[in-house]
Amino acid sequence: MTARGRQDEVDVIVDAWQRERADLDVAPLHVLSRISRLARRLDLARGTAFAEHQLEGWEFDVLSALRRAGDPYELSPGSLMQQTLVTSGTMTNRVDRLEKRGLVRRGPAPSDRRGVLVRLTDDGRQVVDAAMADLLEREQELLSHLPVRERDRLAMSLRTLLAALEG
């Protein structure tokens, strides 16, 4: 048992490293190993939620970027690349595949004759909305072990850390 309650697998790992390498400061493991383990659980939950809607994670990422854009749910390929952190060639391939499934369609950009916009179809919107609802249900379950106040504090701490690393 730790000072605050139950021991988890990270405590076991940290204790072992402290025993084997007392010369190292293993304090970062208390936070970052837990984040890593939580990320794996989140990836599994995401994969399950998306699979129930016949989506891959990358498909959800593109569809959700379009959905978040608001009506008419369209973005340039460049904006999609920026939001999903992929290359131009990768985005072209992804849009091609989503277009074949009828989840998006390409159209001309009204302000640029050479430009293209990718638009979410009605089917794409239904799929991404249903997958998002499922995902949030699973994420709520993952967080259900923390009181709301602690969730808020954790979110604030993680925001501070991520902003520093991204800035």
N, C-alpha and C. Protein backbone atom coordinates (compact mmCIF):
# COMPACT_ATOMS: atom_id res chain seq x y z
N MET A 1 0.84 -1.19 0.00
CA MET A 1 0.00 0.00 0.00
C MET A 1 0.88 1.24 0.00
N THR A 2 0.40 2.26 -0.71
CA THR A 2 1.09 3.54 -0.71
C THR A 2 0.43 4.45 0.31
N ALA A 3 0.99 5.64 0.46
CA ALA A 3 0.45 6.59 1.44
C ALA A 3 -0.99 6.98 1.09
N ARG A 4 -1.35 6.95 -0.21
CA ARG A 4 -2.69 7.40 -0.61
C ARG A 4 -3.63 6.26 -0.95
N GLY A 5 -3.23 5.03 -0.80
CA GLY A 5 -4.16 3.95 -1.10
C GLY A 5 -3.50 2.76 -1.74
N ARG A 6 -4.22 2.13 -2.65
CA ARG A 6 -3.76 0.90 -3.30
C ARG A 6 -2.49 1.12 -4.12
N GLN A 7 -1.73 0.05 -4.19
CA GLN A 7 -0.55 0.06 -5.04
C GLN A 7 -0.97 -0.35 -6.44
N ASP A 8 -0.34 0.21 -7.45
CA ASP A 8 -0.59 -0.22 -8.82
C ASP A 8 0.69 -0.80 -9.41
N GLU A 9 0.62 -1.21 -10.65
CA GLU A 9 1.77 -1.84 -11.30
C GLU A 9 2.95 -0.88 -11.42
N VAL A 10 2.67 0.40 -11.57
CA VAL A 10 3.77 1.37 -11.66
C VAL A 10 4.54 1.43 -10.34
N ASP A 11 3.85 1.34 -9.22
CA ASP A 11 4.54 1.32 -7.93
C ASP A 11 5.52 0.14 -7.87
N VAL A 12 5.11 -0.99 -8.36
CA VAL A 12 5.97 -2.18 -8.37
C VAL A 12 7.20 -1.93 -9.24
N ILE A 13 6.97 -1.33 -10.42
CA ILE A 13 8.07 -1.04 -11.35
C ILE A 13 9.04 -0.02 -10.73
N VAL A 14 8.50 1.05 -10.16
CA VAL A 14 9.33 2.08 -9.56
C VAL A 14 10.14 1.51 -8.40
N ASP A 15 9.48 0.73 -7.55
CA ASP A 15 10.20 0.11 -6.43
C ASP A 15 11.36 -0.76 -6.92
N ALA A 16 11.13 -1.51 -7.98
CA ALA A 16 12.17 -2.38 -8.52
C ALA A 16 13.34 -1.56 -9.06
N TRP A 17 13.02 -0.48 -9.79
CA TRP A 17 14.11 0.37 -10.30
C TRP A 17 14.85 1.05 -9.16
N GLN A 18 14.15 1.49 -8.13
CA GLN A 18 14.83 2.11 -6.99
C GLN A 18 15.76 1.12 -6.31
N ARG A 19 15.32 -0.13 -6.24
CA ARG A 19 16.15 -1.16 -5.63
C ARG A 19 17.38 -1.44 -6.50
N GLU A 20 17.18 -1.53 -7.81
CA GLU A 20 18.26 -1.93 -8.71
C GLU A 20 19.17 -0.77 -9.10
N ARG A 21 18.62 0.44 -9.13
CA ARG A 21 19.42 1.61 -9.55
C ARG A 21 19.15 2.77 -8.61
N ALA A 22 19.59 2.61 -7.37
CA ALA A 22 19.39 3.65 -6.36
C ALA A 22 20.06 4.96 -6.74
N ASP A 23 20.99 4.91 -7.71
CA ASP A 23 21.70 6.11 -8.14
C ASP A 23 20.87 6.99 -9.08
N LEU A 24 19.72 6.47 -9.56
CA LEU A 24 18.88 7.22 -10.50
C LEU A 24 17.66 7.81 -9.79
N ASP A 25 17.26 8.99 -10.25
CA ASP A 25 16.02 9.60 -9.76
C ASP A 25 14.89 9.06 -10.65
N VAL A 26 14.13 8.12 -10.12
CA VAL A 26 13.06 7.48 -10.90
C VAL A 26 11.70 8.17 -10.71
N ALA A 27 11.70 9.35 -10.09
CA ALA A 27 10.45 10.07 -9.82
C ALA A 27 9.59 10.28 -11.07
N PRO A 28 10.17 10.58 -12.26
CA PRO A 28 9.31 10.78 -13.44
C PRO A 28 8.44 9.57 -13.77
N LEU A 29 8.90 8.38 -13.39
CA LEU A 29 8.11 7.18 -13.67
C LEU A 29 6.75 7.21 -12.98
N HIS A 30 6.68 7.83 -11.82
CA HIS A 30 5.41 7.90 -11.10
C HIS A 30 4.32 8.55 -11.95
N VAL A 31 4.69 9.56 -12.72
CA VAL A 31 3.72 10.27 -13.56
C VAL A 31 3.69 9.68 -14.97
N LEU A 32 4.84 9.64 -15.63
CA LEU A 32 4.85 9.33 -17.05
C LEU A 32 4.56 7.87 -17.36
N SER A 33 4.95 6.97 -16.49
CA SER A 33 4.59 5.56 -16.72
C SER A 33 3.09 5.36 -16.57
N ARG A 34 2.49 6.09 -15.65
CA ARG A 34 1.02 6.00 -15.51
C ARG A 34 0.32 6.59 -16.74
N ILE A 35 0.84 7.70 -17.23
CA ILE A 35 0.26 8.28 -18.45
C ILE A 35 0.39 7.29 -19.60
N SER A 36 1.53 6.67 -19.72
CA SER A 36 1.76 5.69 -20.79
C SER A 36 0.79 4.52 -20.68
N ARG A 37 0.60 4.00 -19.49
CA ARG A 37 -0.30 2.86 -19.29
C ARG A 37 -1.75 3.28 -19.55
N LEU A 38 -2.11 4.48 -19.12
CA LEU A 38 -3.46 4.98 -19.39
C LEU A 38 -3.67 5.18 -20.89
N ALA A 39 -2.63 5.65 -21.58
CA ALA A 39 -2.74 5.85 -23.03
C ALA A 39 -3.00 4.52 -23.74
N ARG A 40 -2.37 3.46 -23.28
CA ARG A 40 -2.62 2.14 -23.88
C ARG A 40 -4.05 1.70 -23.65
N ARG A 41 -4.56 1.93 -22.46
CA ARG A 41 -5.96 1.57 -22.18
C ARG A 41 -6.91 2.42 -23.02
N LEU A 42 -6.59 3.69 -23.17
CA LEU A 42 -7.41 4.57 -24.00
C LEU A 42 -7.37 4.12 -25.46
N ASP A 43 -6.20 3.76 -25.95
CA ASP A 43 -6.10 3.26 -27.33
C ASP A 43 -6.98 2.03 -27.54
N LEU A 44 -6.99 1.13 -26.57
CA LEU A 44 -7.85 -0.06 -26.67
C LEU A 44 -9.32 0.33 -26.68
N ALA A 45 -9.71 1.24 -25.80
CA ALA A 45 -11.10 1.69 -25.75
C ALA A 45 -11.50 2.38 -27.05
N ARG A 46 -10.61 3.22 -27.57
CA ARG A 46 -10.87 3.90 -28.84
C ARG A 46 -11.03 2.89 -29.97
N GLY A 47 -10.11 1.95 -30.02
CA GLY A 47 -10.16 0.93 -31.08
C GLY A 47 -11.46 0.16 -31.05
N THR A 48 -11.92 -0.20 -29.86
CA THR A 48 -13.17 -0.93 -29.71
C THR A 48 -14.35 -0.08 -30.15
N ALA A 49 -14.37 1.17 -29.70
CA ALA A 49 -15.48 2.07 -30.07
C ALA A 49 -15.52 2.28 -31.58
N PHE A 50 -14.37 2.49 -32.19
CA PHE A 50 -14.34 2.74 -33.62
C PHE A 50 -14.69 1.49 -34.43
N ALA A 51 -14.20 0.33 -33.98
CA ALA A 51 -14.47 -0.92 -34.69
C ALA A 51 -15.96 -1.21 -34.75
N GLU A 52 -16.68 -0.84 -33.72
CA GLU A 52 -18.13 -1.06 -33.72
C GLU A 52 -18.83 -0.24 -34.80
N HIS A 53 -18.13 0.74 -35.33
CA HIS A 53 -18.69 1.59 -36.40
C HIS A 53 -17.90 1.42 -37.70
N GLN A 54 -17.17 0.31 -37.79
CA GLN A 54 -16.35 -0.01 -38.95
C GLN A 54 -15.39 1.12 -39.33
N LEU A 55 -14.76 1.69 -38.30
CA LEU A 55 -13.79 2.76 -38.51
C LEU A 55 -12.43 2.37 -37.95
N GLU A 56 -11.42 2.85 -38.61
CA GLU A 56 -10.06 2.81 -38.08
C GLU A 56 -9.84 4.14 -37.34
N GLY A 57 -8.85 4.18 -36.49
CA GLY A 57 -8.56 5.41 -35.75
C GLY A 57 -8.28 6.59 -36.67
N TRP A 58 -7.52 6.37 -37.73
CA TRP A 58 -7.20 7.46 -38.65
C TRP A 58 -8.46 7.96 -39.36
N GLU A 59 -9.39 7.06 -39.65
CA GLU A 59 -10.63 7.47 -40.30
C GLU A 59 -11.44 8.38 -39.36
N PHE A 60 -11.50 7.98 -38.09
CA PHE A 60 -12.20 8.81 -37.11
C PHE A 60 -11.53 10.18 -37.01
N ASP A 61 -10.21 10.21 -37.01
CA ASP A 61 -9.49 11.48 -36.90
C ASP A 61 -9.87 12.45 -38.03
N VAL A 62 -9.91 11.95 -39.26
CA VAL A 62 -10.26 12.80 -40.40
C VAL A 62 -11.72 13.22 -40.33
N LEU A 63 -12.61 12.24 -40.08
CA LEU A 63 -14.04 12.55 -40.02
C LEU A 63 -14.35 13.52 -38.88
N SER A 64 -13.70 13.34 -37.74
CA SER A 64 -14.00 14.21 -36.61
C SER A 64 -13.45 15.62 -36.84
N ALA A 65 -12.33 15.75 -37.55
CA ALA A 65 -11.83 17.09 -37.90
C ALA A 65 -12.85 17.81 -38.77
N LEU A 66 -13.42 17.10 -39.72
CA LEU A 66 -14.45 17.71 -40.58
C LEU A 66 -15.70 18.05 -39.77
N ARG A 67 -16.11 17.17 -38.88
CA ARG A 67 -17.31 17.41 -38.08
C ARG A 67 -17.14 18.62 -37.17
N ARG A 68 -15.96 18.75 -36.58
CA ARG A 68 -15.69 19.88 -35.69
C ARG A 68 -15.63 21.20 -36.42
N ALA A 69 -15.42 21.15 -37.75
CA ALA A 69 -15.33 22.38 -38.54
C ALA A 69 -16.68 23.10 -38.59
N GLY A 70 -17.75 22.40 -38.28
CA GLY A 70 -19.08 23.00 -38.33
C GLY A 70 -19.63 23.01 -39.74
N ASP A 71 -20.91 23.26 -39.82
CA ASP A 71 -21.62 23.27 -41.10
C ASP A 71 -20.95 24.26 -42.06
N PRO A 72 -20.55 23.87 -43.25
CA PRO A 72 -20.93 22.69 -44.02
C PRO A 72 -19.98 21.49 -43.87
N TYR A 73 -19.21 21.43 -42.78
CA TYR A 73 -18.35 20.28 -42.47
C TYR A 73 -17.33 20.01 -43.58
N GLU A 74 -16.58 21.04 -43.91
CA GLU A 74 -15.57 20.89 -44.96
C GLU A 74 -14.30 21.64 -44.58
N LEU A 75 -13.18 21.08 -45.06
CA LEU A 75 -11.86 21.67 -44.83
C LEU A 75 -11.00 21.42 -46.05
N SER A 76 -9.97 22.21 -46.19
CA SER A 76 -8.99 21.94 -47.24
C SER A 76 -8.14 20.74 -46.82
N PRO A 77 -7.55 20.06 -47.79
CA PRO A 77 -6.63 18.97 -47.42
C PRO A 77 -5.49 19.47 -46.52
N GLY A 78 -5.03 20.70 -46.73
CA GLY A 78 -3.96 21.26 -45.90
C GLY A 78 -4.39 21.39 -44.44
N SER A 79 -5.62 21.85 -44.23
CA SER A 79 -6.13 21.95 -42.86
C SER A 79 -6.26 20.57 -42.23
N LEU A 80 -6.72 19.61 -43.00
CA LEU A 80 -6.82 18.24 -42.49
C LEU A 80 -5.44 17.69 -42.13
N MET A 81 -4.45 17.97 -42.96
CA MET A 81 -3.08 17.52 -42.67
C MET A 81 -2.59 18.11 -41.36
N GLN A 82 -2.84 19.40 -41.19
CA GLN A 82 -2.39 20.10 -39.99
C GLN A 82 -3.07 19.53 -38.74
N GLN A 83 -4.36 19.25 -38.83
CA GLN A 83 -5.09 18.77 -37.67
C GLN A 83 -4.79 17.32 -37.33
N THR A 84 -4.45 16.52 -38.34
CA THR A 84 -4.21 15.09 -38.10
C THR A 84 -2.73 14.72 -38.12
N LEU A 85 -1.87 15.71 -38.36
CA LEU A 85 -0.41 15.53 -38.29
C LEU A 85 0.10 14.46 -39.25
N VAL A 86 -0.35 14.52 -40.50
CA VAL A 86 0.14 13.59 -41.52
C VAL A 86 0.64 14.36 -42.73
N THR A 87 1.35 13.67 -43.62
CA THR A 87 1.89 14.29 -44.82
C THR A 87 0.81 14.43 -45.89
N SER A 88 1.15 15.18 -46.90
CA SER A 88 0.23 15.41 -48.02
C SER A 88 -0.15 14.09 -48.70
N GLY A 89 0.85 13.26 -48.98
CA GLY A 89 0.58 11.97 -49.63
C GLY A 89 -0.32 11.08 -48.79
N THR A 90 -0.07 11.07 -47.49
CA THR A 90 -0.90 10.27 -46.58
C THR A 90 -2.32 10.78 -46.57
N MET A 91 -2.49 12.11 -46.52
CA MET A 91 -3.84 12.67 -46.50
C MET A 91 -4.58 12.37 -47.80
N THR A 92 -3.89 12.48 -48.93
CA THR A 92 -4.52 12.16 -50.22
C THR A 92 -5.04 10.73 -50.20
N ASN A 93 -4.22 9.81 -49.73
CA ASN A 93 -4.62 8.41 -49.64
C ASN A 93 -5.81 8.23 -48.72
N ARG A 94 -5.80 8.91 -47.59
CA ARG A 94 -6.89 8.78 -46.62
C ARG A 94 -8.20 9.33 -47.18
N VAL A 95 -8.12 10.48 -47.82
CA VAL A 95 -9.33 11.06 -48.41
C VAL A 95 -9.86 10.15 -49.52
N ASP A 96 -8.95 9.61 -50.34
CA ASP A 96 -9.37 8.66 -51.39
C ASP A 96 -10.16 7.51 -50.79
N ARG A 97 -9.63 6.93 -49.72
CA ARG A 97 -10.28 5.76 -49.11
C ARG A 97 -11.62 6.12 -48.48
N LEU A 98 -11.68 7.27 -47.82
CA LEU A 98 -12.95 7.70 -47.22
C LEU A 98 -13.97 8.07 -48.28
N GLU A 99 -13.50 8.60 -49.39
CA GLU A 99 -14.40 8.94 -50.49
C GLU A 99 -15.00 7.67 -51.11
N LYS A 100 -14.19 6.64 -51.27
CA LYS A 100 -14.68 5.36 -51.79
C LYS A 100 -15.76 4.77 -50.89
N ARG A 101 -15.66 5.01 -49.60
CA ARG A 101 -16.65 4.49 -48.64
C ARG A 101 -17.89 5.39 -48.57
N GLY A 102 -17.84 6.53 -49.25
CA GLY A 102 -18.98 7.44 -49.25
C GLY A 102 -19.09 8.29 -47.99
N LEU A 103 -18.00 8.41 -47.25
CA LEU A 103 -18.03 9.17 -46.00
C LEU A 103 -17.61 10.63 -46.19
N VAL A 104 -16.87 10.90 -47.27
CA VAL A 104 -16.49 12.27 -47.63
C VAL A 104 -16.60 12.41 -49.14
N ARG A 105 -16.61 13.66 -49.59
CA ARG A 105 -16.49 13.91 -51.03
C ARG A 105 -15.65 15.15 -51.23
N ARG A 106 -14.99 15.18 -52.36
CA ARG A 106 -14.17 16.34 -52.71
C ARG A 106 -15.01 17.27 -53.58
N GLY A 107 -14.70 18.55 -53.45
CA GLY A 107 -15.35 19.54 -54.30
C GLY A 107 -14.42 20.72 -54.49
N PRO A 108 -14.73 21.56 -55.47
CA PRO A 108 -13.88 22.72 -55.72
C PRO A 108 -14.00 23.74 -54.59
N ALA A 109 -12.90 24.41 -54.32
CA ALA A 109 -12.90 25.51 -53.34
C ALA A 109 -13.43 26.75 -54.05
N PRO A 110 -14.48 27.37 -53.54
CA PRO A 110 -15.07 28.51 -54.23
C PRO A 110 -14.13 29.69 -54.42
N SER A 111 -13.17 29.85 -53.51
CA SER A 111 -12.29 31.02 -53.58
C SER A 111 -11.00 30.75 -54.36
N ASP A 112 -10.79 29.51 -54.80
CA ASP A 112 -9.53 29.17 -55.47
C ASP A 112 -9.83 28.10 -56.52
N ARG A 113 -9.66 28.47 -57.79
CA ARG A 113 -10.00 27.52 -58.87
C ARG A 113 -9.23 26.21 -58.78
N ARG A 114 -8.00 26.28 -58.28
CA ARG A 114 -7.19 25.06 -58.19
C ARG A 114 -7.40 24.33 -56.87
N GLY A 115 -8.03 24.98 -55.91
CA GLY A 115 -8.19 24.40 -54.58
C GLY A 115 -9.30 23.38 -54.51
N VAL A 116 -9.18 22.52 -53.51
CA VAL A 116 -10.16 21.46 -53.27
C VAL A 116 -10.59 21.54 -51.81
N LEU A 117 -11.83 21.23 -51.58
CA LEU A 117 -12.33 21.09 -50.21
C LEU A 117 -12.83 19.67 -50.03
N VAL A 118 -12.62 19.14 -48.85
CA VAL A 118 -13.13 17.82 -48.49
C VAL A 118 -14.33 18.05 -47.59
N ARG A 119 -15.45 17.44 -47.95
CA ARG A 119 -16.70 17.65 -47.21
C ARG A 119 -17.21 16.33 -46.65
N LEU A 120 -17.67 16.38 -45.44
CA LEU A 120 -18.29 15.23 -44.78
C LEU A 120 -19.66 14.99 -45.41
N THR A 121 -19.94 13.75 -45.78
CA THR A 121 -21.27 13.41 -46.31
C THR A 121 -22.22 13.16 -45.15
N ASP A 122 -23.51 13.03 -45.45
CA ASP A 122 -24.47 12.70 -44.40
C ASP A 122 -24.13 11.37 -43.75
N ASP A 123 -23.74 10.38 -44.56
CA ASP A 123 -23.33 9.08 -43.99
C ASP A 123 -22.11 9.25 -43.09
N GLY A 124 -21.14 10.05 -43.53
CA GLY A 124 -19.95 10.29 -42.72
C GLY A 124 -20.30 10.95 -41.40
N ARG A 125 -21.22 11.89 -41.45
CA ARG A 125 -21.63 12.58 -40.22
C ARG A 125 -22.32 11.62 -39.26
N GLN A 126 -23.16 10.76 -39.76
CA GLN A 126 -23.84 9.79 -38.90
C GLN A 126 -22.84 8.84 -38.26
N VAL A 127 -21.88 8.38 -39.04
CA VAL A 127 -20.88 7.44 -38.52
C VAL A 127 -20.01 8.11 -37.46
N VAL A 128 -19.50 9.30 -37.74
CA VAL A 128 -18.61 9.96 -36.78
C VAL A 128 -19.38 10.36 -35.52
N ASP A 129 -20.63 10.78 -35.66
CA ASP A 129 -21.42 11.13 -34.48
C ASP A 129 -21.66 9.92 -33.58
N ALA A 130 -21.99 8.79 -34.19
CA ALA A 130 -22.23 7.57 -33.41
C ALA A 130 -20.94 7.08 -32.76
N ALA A 131 -19.83 7.12 -33.49
CA ALA A 131 -18.55 6.69 -32.94
C ALA A 131 -18.12 7.61 -31.79
N MET A 132 -18.37 8.90 -31.94
CA MET A 132 -18.00 9.85 -30.89
C MET A 132 -18.81 9.59 -29.62
N ALA A 133 -20.10 9.32 -29.78
CA ALA A 133 -20.94 9.03 -28.61
C ALA A 133 -20.44 7.77 -27.90
N ASP A 134 -20.10 6.74 -28.66
CA ASP A 134 -19.55 5.51 -28.07
C ASP A 134 -18.22 5.78 -27.37
N LEU A 135 -17.36 6.54 -28.03
CA LEU A 135 -16.05 6.85 -27.46
C LEU A 135 -16.20 7.58 -26.13
N LEU A 136 -17.08 8.58 -26.08
CA LEU A 136 -17.25 9.33 -24.85
C LEU A 136 -17.81 8.47 -23.73
N GLU A 137 -18.66 7.53 -24.08
CA GLU A 137 -19.19 6.61 -23.06
C GLU A 137 -18.05 5.77 -22.47
N ARG A 138 -17.18 5.29 -23.32
CA ARG A 138 -16.04 4.49 -22.85
C ARG A 138 -15.05 5.33 -22.05
N GLU A 139 -14.84 6.57 -22.49
CA GLU A 139 -13.93 7.44 -21.76
C GLU A 139 -14.50 7.82 -20.40
N GLN A 140 -15.82 8.02 -20.34
CA GLN A 140 -16.45 8.30 -19.04
C GLN A 140 -16.22 7.13 -18.09
N GLU A 141 -16.32 5.91 -18.62
CA GLU A 141 -16.09 4.72 -17.79
C GLU A 141 -14.65 4.69 -17.28
N LEU A 142 -13.70 5.03 -18.16
CA LEU A 142 -12.30 5.04 -17.73
C LEU A 142 -12.07 6.05 -16.61
N LEU A 143 -12.77 7.17 -16.66
CA LEU A 143 -12.58 8.23 -15.66
C LEU A 143 -13.49 8.09 -14.45
N SER A 144 -14.39 7.13 -14.48
CA SER A 144 -15.38 7.01 -13.41
C SER A 144 -14.78 6.71 -12.04
N HIS A 145 -13.54 6.29 -12.01
CA HIS A 145 -12.88 5.96 -10.75
C HIS A 145 -12.34 7.20 -10.03
N LEU A 146 -12.43 8.36 -10.68
CA LEU A 146 -11.97 9.61 -10.08
C LEU A 146 -13.15 10.52 -9.79
N PRO A 147 -13.17 11.14 -8.63
CA PRO A 147 -14.20 12.16 -8.38
C PRO A 147 -14.04 13.32 -9.37
N VAL A 148 -15.12 13.99 -9.69
CA VAL A 148 -15.11 15.07 -10.67
C VAL A 148 -14.06 16.13 -10.32
N ARG A 149 -13.96 16.48 -9.07
CA ARG A 149 -13.00 17.50 -8.65
C ARG A 149 -11.56 17.07 -8.99
N GLU A 150 -11.24 15.81 -8.76
CA GLU A 150 -9.90 15.32 -9.09
C GLU A 150 -9.68 15.27 -10.59
N ARG A 151 -10.72 14.93 -11.35
CA ARG A 151 -10.62 14.96 -12.82
C ARG A 151 -10.28 16.36 -13.29
N ASP A 152 -10.94 17.35 -12.71
CA ASP A 152 -10.69 18.74 -13.10
C ASP A 152 -9.25 19.14 -12.79
N ARG A 153 -8.76 18.76 -11.63
CA ARG A 153 -7.37 19.08 -11.25
C ARG A 153 -6.39 18.36 -12.17
N LEU A 154 -6.68 17.11 -12.47
CA LEU A 154 -5.82 16.35 -13.37
C LEU A 154 -5.80 16.98 -14.76
N ALA A 155 -6.96 17.36 -15.27
CA ALA A 155 -7.03 17.99 -16.59
C ALA A 155 -6.21 19.28 -16.61
N MET A 156 -6.29 20.06 -15.54
CA MET A 156 -5.54 21.31 -15.47
C MET A 156 -4.03 21.03 -15.44
N SER A 157 -3.62 20.05 -14.67
CA SER A 157 -2.19 19.71 -14.59
C SER A 157 -1.68 19.20 -15.94
N LEU A 158 -2.45 18.35 -16.57
CA LEU A 158 -2.03 17.82 -17.87
C LEU A 158 -2.01 18.92 -18.93
N ARG A 159 -2.95 19.85 -18.85
CA ARG A 159 -2.97 20.99 -19.78
C ARG A 159 -1.69 21.82 -19.61
N THR A 160 -1.30 22.07 -18.38
CA THR A 160 -0.10 22.84 -18.11
C THR A 160 1.13 22.15 -18.69
N LEU A 161 1.24 20.86 -18.47
CA LEU A 161 2.37 20.09 -18.97
C LEU A 161 2.39 20.07 -20.50
N LEU A 162 1.24 19.76 -21.09
CA LEU A 162 1.18 19.67 -22.56
C LEU A 162 1.44 21.02 -23.22
N ALA A 163 0.89 22.09 -22.67
CA ALA A 163 1.12 23.43 -23.23
C ALA A 163 2.61 23.77 -23.21
N ALA A 164 3.29 23.41 -22.15
CA ALA A 164 4.72 23.67 -22.05
C ALA A 164 5.49 22.87 -23.10
N LEU A 165 5.08 21.64 -23.32
CA LEU A 165 5.79 20.79 -24.28
C LEU A 165 5.46 21.16 -25.72
N GLU A 166 4.23 21.61 -25.97
CA GLU A 166 3.82 21.98 -27.33
C GLU A 166 4.23 23.40 -27.69
N GLY A 167 4.42 24.24 -26.66
CA GLY A 167 4.72 25.65 -26.89
C GLY A 167 6.14 25.85 -27.29
